[in-house]
Amino acid sequence: MTRTYSQERYLAAKRTIDDRSLNRTVLDELAPILADASDVVEIGAGIGTMCQRLLDWELLPNQLTYTLVDVDGDSIAAAKERLSDWAASEGYTVTQDSGITLRRDEQEVRIETAVVDAADYLATETPDLVIGSAFLDLLDSAEVDELFDRLPAGCHCYFPITFDGGTTFQPTVFPAFDDHVVERYHEDMIRRENPGDPHAGRHLLSRAASDHTLIAAGASDWVVAPGENGYQADEAYFLHHIVDTVAAALADDPAVDGDRLARWDDHRHEQILRDELVYVAHQLDVLLTV
């Protein structure tokens, strides 16, 4: 049985998971690029957690325009509210008009927003750096081609948390069926109305090495497991959302037994409630120059 979950809360809940998953070697290579940047565009920006993270980790320069781009207007609205509230709590002076200006000490970061398709936005822009976290796996190969065609020569690109075809749920519920669920979910990424790429990470890495200049790459697997006191922060909610997403994607798949899927779904949610479920997703971080 599918349940109803908030996309905004899910995106907020995965902040702690992304924080520990981001590849530090790639981040180290990104740091000097960010230090020299004046115009950063984040595509698929969601509720602004990457921008907040880069501010929080003191990786953004003193003068910068950072544009959040997403097709979901609700996410962009949430990003503006969340970033403003967080920045004020951290001692920034926050000025809001069509965008947001954050000032603290010698730093001034201008945050702009755009509710538009990423490729359409980039068709008329020339950013120093494009960021797309957990984004390219949502696109098919033609859409990725179009996106790269819009990027100016010399533009740096940071694509962290790019899914690369590995999903693990433990403990086992139904041995053979568990594997079948994962296989069909990966296949659904290709079959769905707006198809993505379940092996986007390796395809991006190959593209970076053959068509562009690869600066750095490394694994950024999500690993979510209960500790002595259960799951960290709001990560149980994240897991419920993931399990529900998989079950909902396969609900109409004729290759998946519906009754068994419902039992699988219920078992997984129960494992989360008992602090038992372990979830791993294989992903890659890639930093390149066009």
Protein backbone atom coordinates (compact mmCIF):
# COMPACT_ATOMS: atom_id res chain seq x y z
CA MET A 1 0.00 0.00 0.00
CA THR A 2 1.45 3.34 -1.03
CA ARG A 3 1.45 6.19 1.45
CA THR A 4 1.59 9.96 1.05
CA TYR A 5 4.89 11.72 1.67
CA SER A 6 6.05 15.32 1.38
CA GLN A 7 8.63 15.98 -1.32
CA GLU A 8 9.93 19.00 0.61
CA ARG A 9 10.44 16.97 3.78
CA TYR A 10 12.11 14.18 1.79
CA LEU A 11 14.57 16.65 0.23
CA ALA A 12 15.29 18.12 3.65
CA ALA A 13 15.66 14.66 5.22
CA LYS A 14 18.32 13.58 2.75
CA ARG A 15 20.56 16.54 3.67
CA THR A 16 22.41 14.54 6.34
CA ILE A 17 22.77 11.58 3.97
CA ASP A 18 24.17 13.72 1.17
CA ASP A 19 26.49 15.49 3.62
CA ARG A 20 28.30 12.29 4.51
CA SER A 21 28.05 10.78 1.01
CA LEU A 22 29.63 13.59 -1.02
CA ASN A 23 33.07 12.54 -2.21
CA ARG A 24 35.64 14.64 -0.34
CA THR A 25 38.36 14.24 -3.00
CA VAL A 26 36.03 15.73 -5.60
CA LEU A 27 34.98 18.46 -3.16
CA ASP A 28 38.63 19.37 -2.59
CA GLU A 29 39.04 19.86 -6.35
CA LEU A 30 35.83 21.88 -6.48
CA ALA A 31 36.92 24.29 -3.73
CA PRO A 32 39.34 26.45 -5.80
CA ILE A 33 36.86 26.55 -8.68
CA LEU A 34 34.19 27.88 -6.34
CA ALA A 35 36.65 30.38 -4.87
CA ASP A 36 37.17 31.91 -8.32
CA ALA A 37 33.53 31.74 -9.44
CA SER A 38 31.26 34.76 -9.81
CA ASP A 39 28.24 33.14 -11.49
CA VAL A 40 27.04 29.71 -10.35
CA VAL A 41 23.90 28.02 -11.70
CA GLU A 42 22.40 25.03 -9.92
CA ILE A 43 20.01 22.96 -12.03
CA GLY A 44 17.47 20.73 -10.34
CA ALA A 45 18.10 22.86 -7.26
CA GLY A 46 15.13 21.59 -5.26
CA ILE A 47 14.74 23.32 -1.89
CA GLY A 48 18.22 24.84 -1.91
CA THR A 49 20.10 22.38 0.30
CA MET A 50 23.25 22.43 -1.86
CA CYS A 51 23.44 26.22 -1.74
CA GLN A 52 22.91 26.13 2.03
CA ARG A 53 25.57 23.43 2.37
CA LEU A 54 28.16 25.40 0.40
CA LEU A 55 27.47 28.48 2.51
CA ASP A 56 27.54 26.46 5.72
CA TRP A 57 30.83 24.78 4.75
CA GLU A 58 32.31 28.20 3.81
CA LEU A 59 33.03 27.16 0.23
CA LEU A 60 31.44 30.15 -1.51
CA PRO A 61 33.48 33.27 -2.32
CA ASN A 62 32.80 36.75 -0.95
CA GLN A 63 31.06 37.99 -4.10
CA LEU A 64 28.81 35.62 -6.02
CA THR A 65 25.54 35.24 -7.88
CA TYR A 66 24.03 31.81 -7.27
CA THR A 67 20.97 30.92 -9.35
CA LEU A 68 18.60 28.12 -8.33
CA VAL A 69 16.86 26.55 -11.33
CA ASP A 70 14.08 23.97 -11.04
CA VAL A 71 10.89 23.13 -12.93
CA ASP A 72 9.02 22.76 -9.62
CA GLY A 73 7.78 26.13 -8.43
CA ASP A 74 6.85 24.80 -4.99
CA SER A 75 10.43 23.63 -4.41
CA ILE A 76 11.83 27.00 -5.47
CA ALA A 77 9.41 28.81 -3.16
CA ALA A 78 10.49 26.52 -0.32
CA ALA A 79 14.15 27.16 -1.17
CA LYS A 80 13.73 30.92 -0.89
CA GLU A 81 11.98 30.64 2.46
CA ARG A 82 14.36 28.05 3.90
CA LEU A 83 17.53 29.82 2.76
CA SER A 84 16.31 33.17 4.10
CA ASP A 85 15.40 31.71 7.49
CA TRP A 86 18.64 29.73 7.77
CA ALA A 87 20.83 32.66 6.72
CA ALA A 88 19.16 34.98 9.24
CA SER A 89 19.78 32.41 11.98
CA GLU A 90 23.46 32.31 10.96
CA GLY A 91 23.96 36.05 11.26
CA TYR A 92 23.50 37.11 7.65
CA THR A 93 21.63 40.28 6.79
CA VAL A 94 18.90 39.08 4.45
CA THR A 95 17.35 41.36 1.82
CA GLN A 96 14.51 40.03 -0.31
CA ASP A 97 13.18 41.43 -3.58
CA SER A 98 12.92 39.35 -6.75
CA GLY A 99 15.75 37.31 -5.26
CA ILE A 100 17.66 37.18 -2.00
CA THR A 101 20.85 38.99 -1.00
CA LEU A 102 22.84 37.58 1.91
CA ARG A 103 25.46 39.79 3.59
CA ARG A 104 27.79 38.90 6.44
CA ASP A 105 31.17 40.48 7.13
CA GLU A 106 32.80 40.86 3.69
CA GLN A 107 30.61 38.29 1.95
CA GLU A 108 27.70 39.17 -0.31
CA VAL A 109 25.87 36.34 -2.06
CA ARG A 110 23.04 37.13 -4.43
CA ILE A 111 20.57 34.26 -4.85
CA GLU A 112 18.37 34.32 -7.93
CA THR A 113 15.72 31.78 -8.85
CA ALA A 114 14.15 30.52 -12.06
CA VAL A 115 11.25 28.10 -12.50
CA VAL A 116 12.19 26.72 -15.90
CA ASP A 117 13.69 23.71 -17.67
CA ALA A 118 17.45 23.53 -17.13
CA ALA A 119 18.40 23.29 -20.82
CA ASP A 120 16.11 26.20 -21.70
CA TYR A 121 17.66 28.34 -18.98
CA LEU A 122 21.23 27.52 -19.98
CA ALA A 123 20.54 28.38 -23.63
CA THR A 124 21.00 32.08 -22.83
CA GLU A 125 23.40 31.98 -19.86
CA THR A 126 27.19 31.72 -19.51
CA PRO A 127 27.90 30.59 -15.94
CA ASP A 128 31.35 29.85 -14.54
CA LEU A 129 30.05 26.72 -12.84
CA VAL A 130 26.99 24.51 -13.22
CA ILE A 131 25.94 22.24 -10.34
CA GLY A 132 23.43 19.42 -10.67
CA SER A 133 23.05 17.17 -7.63
CA ALA A 134 21.14 13.89 -8.11
CA PHE A 135 19.97 15.34 -11.41
CA LEU A 136 21.43 13.75 -14.54
CA ASP A 137 19.94 10.32 -13.74
CA LEU A 138 16.52 11.94 -14.21
CA LEU A 139 17.32 12.66 -17.88
CA ASP A 140 17.64 10.39 -20.89
CA SER A 141 20.73 10.47 -23.10
CA ALA A 142 19.23 12.91 -25.61
CA GLU A 143 18.36 15.36 -22.83
CA VAL A 144 21.88 15.10 -21.40
CA ASP A 145 23.28 15.78 -24.88
CA GLU A 146 21.06 18.85 -25.18
CA LEU A 147 22.12 20.08 -21.76
CA PHE A 148 25.83 19.83 -22.56
CA ASP A 149 25.26 21.50 -25.94
CA ARG A 150 23.99 24.58 -24.07
CA LEU A 151 27.08 24.93 -21.87
CA PRO A 152 29.75 27.48 -22.83
CA ALA A 153 33.31 26.34 -23.46
CA GLY A 154 35.35 26.52 -20.27
CA CYS A 155 32.34 26.08 -18.00
CA HIS A 156 33.01 23.86 -15.00
CA CYS A 157 30.38 21.25 -14.08
CA TYR A 158 29.89 19.54 -10.73
CA PHE A 159 27.46 16.63 -10.82
CA PRO A 160 27.41 14.90 -7.41
CA ILE A 161 25.12 12.08 -6.25
CA THR A 162 24.60 10.78 -9.80
CA PHE A 163 22.91 7.38 -9.59
CA ASP A 164 24.83 4.49 -11.12
CA GLY A 165 22.71 1.37 -11.03
CA GLY A 166 23.18 -0.05 -7.55
CA THR A 167 20.32 -0.40 -5.06
CA THR A 168 20.40 -2.57 -1.95
CA PHE A 169 17.75 -3.20 0.69
CA GLN A 170 18.59 -5.43 3.67
CA PRO A 171 17.56 -7.62 5.48
CA THR A 172 16.07 -9.84 2.81
CA VAL A 173 12.28 -10.13 2.69
CA PHE A 174 11.63 -12.47 -0.24
CA PRO A 175 15.04 -13.62 -1.61
CA ALA A 176 14.38 -13.89 -5.36
CA PHE A 177 11.59 -11.30 -5.36
CA ASP A 178 13.77 -8.68 -3.63
CA ASP A 179 16.22 -8.81 -6.53
CA HIS A 180 13.36 -8.72 -9.03
CA VAL A 181 11.96 -5.55 -7.43
CA VAL A 182 15.31 -3.78 -7.73
CA GLU A 183 15.80 -4.93 -11.34
CA ARG A 184 12.33 -3.79 -12.37
CA TYR A 185 12.76 -0.46 -10.57
CA HIS A 186 15.94 0.23 -12.52
CA GLU A 187 14.11 -0.79 -15.69
CA ASP A 188 11.25 1.55 -14.77
CA MET A 189 13.67 4.47 -14.88
CA ILE A 190 13.97 3.78 -18.61
CA ARG A 191 10.31 2.83 -19.26
CA ARG A 192 8.56 5.69 -17.46
CA GLU A 193 6.86 8.56 -19.31
CA ASN A 194 9.78 10.89 -18.57
CA PRO A 195 12.65 8.39 -18.72
CA GLY A 196 15.94 8.68 -16.89
CA ASP A 197 19.14 6.66 -16.88
CA PRO A 198 19.83 4.05 -14.18
CA HIS A 199 23.52 4.07 -15.18
CA ALA A 200 23.91 7.83 -15.46
CA GLY A 201 27.03 7.92 -13.29
CA ARG A 202 29.20 5.73 -15.51
CA HIS A 203 27.83 7.35 -18.67
CA LEU A 204 28.71 10.79 -17.28
CA LEU A 205 32.19 9.61 -16.31
CA SER A 206 32.76 8.23 -19.80
CA ARG A 207 31.50 11.47 -21.36
CA ALA A 208 33.76 13.55 -19.12
CA ALA A 209 36.84 11.49 -20.01
CA SER A 210 36.21 11.32 -23.76
CA ASP A 211 34.48 14.60 -24.68
CA HIS A 212 35.52 17.06 -21.97
CA THR A 213 38.23 17.54 -19.34
CA LEU A 214 37.75 15.30 -16.32
CA ILE A 215 38.99 17.01 -13.16
CA ALA A 216 37.92 14.51 -10.51
CA ALA A 217 35.48 11.69 -9.89
CA GLY A 218 34.64 9.36 -7.04
CA ALA A 219 31.94 7.31 -5.36
CA SER A 220 29.25 9.00 -3.28
CA ASP A 221 27.10 6.10 -2.17
CA TRP A 222 24.12 6.67 0.05
CA VAL A 223 24.46 4.37 3.05
CA VAL A 224 21.58 4.56 5.52
CA ALA A 225 21.60 2.21 8.48
CA PRO A 226 20.36 2.39 12.07
CA GLY A 227 22.82 2.97 14.86
CA GLU A 228 22.52 2.36 18.58
CA ASN A 229 19.79 4.99 18.81
CA GLY A 230 18.08 4.23 15.51
CA TYR A 231 18.35 6.33 12.36
CA GLN A 232 20.03 9.72 12.34
CA ALA A 233 18.04 12.96 12.11
CA ASP A 234 15.01 12.46 9.81
CA GLU A 235 16.51 9.58 7.85
CA ALA A 236 13.71 7.14 8.72
CA TYR A 237 11.36 9.45 6.81
CA PHE A 238 13.78 9.42 3.88
CA LEU A 239 13.69 5.61 3.88
CA HIS A 240 9.89 5.48 4.00
CA HIS A 241 9.83 7.81 0.99
CA ILE A 242 12.34 5.67 -0.93
CA VAL A 243 10.43 2.43 -0.28
CA ASP A 244 7.16 4.09 -1.27
CA THR A 245 8.74 5.48 -4.46
CA VAL A 246 9.87 2.00 -5.51
CA ALA A 247 6.49 0.41 -4.75
CA ALA A 248 4.55 3.15 -6.54
CA ALA A 249 6.78 2.90 -9.62
CA LEU A 250 6.08 -0.83 -9.93
CA ALA A 251 2.38 -0.80 -9.02
CA ASP A 252 1.30 -1.08 -12.67
CA ASP A 253 4.22 -3.20 -13.90
CA PRO A 254 2.79 -6.41 -15.39
CA ALA A 255 6.10 -8.16 -14.67
CA VAL A 256 5.68 -7.64 -10.90
CA ASP A 257 3.14 -9.58 -8.85
CA GLY A 258 0.95 -6.93 -7.22
CA ASP A 259 0.06 -8.86 -4.07
CA ARG A 260 3.65 -9.81 -3.42
CA LEU A 261 4.77 -6.22 -4.06
CA ALA A 262 2.26 -5.00 -1.47
CA ARG A 263 3.66 -7.45 1.07
CA TRP A 264 7.21 -6.40 0.20
CA ASP A 265 6.23 -2.75 0.66
CA ASP A 266 4.62 -3.41 4.05
CA HIS A 267 7.59 -5.48 5.26
CA ARG A 268 10.05 -2.74 4.29
CA HIS A 269 8.08 -0.02 6.10
CA GLU A 270 7.84 -2.28 9.15
CA GLN A 271 11.62 -2.81 9.05
CA ILE A 272 12.10 0.96 9.15
CA LEU A 273 9.76 1.28 12.12
CA ARG A 274 11.78 -1.40 13.93
CA ASP A 275 15.10 0.31 13.05
CA GLU A 276 16.18 -2.65 10.92
CA LEU A 277 16.31 -1.55 7.29
CA VAL A 278 19.67 -0.91 5.65
CA TYR A 279 19.65 0.96 2.34
CA VAL A 280 22.55 1.55 -0.06
CA ALA A 281 22.48 3.34 -3.42
CA HIS A 282 25.60 3.50 -5.61
CA GLN A 283 26.35 6.96 -7.00
CA LEU A 284 29.21 8.94 -8.51
CA ASP A 285 30.41 12.52 -8.13
CA VAL A 286 31.95 13.97 -11.29
CA LEU A 287 33.73 17.30 -11.76
CA LEU A 288 34.63 18.35 -15.31
CA THR A 289 35.31 21.28 -17.59
CA VAL A 290 33.44 21.63 -20.89
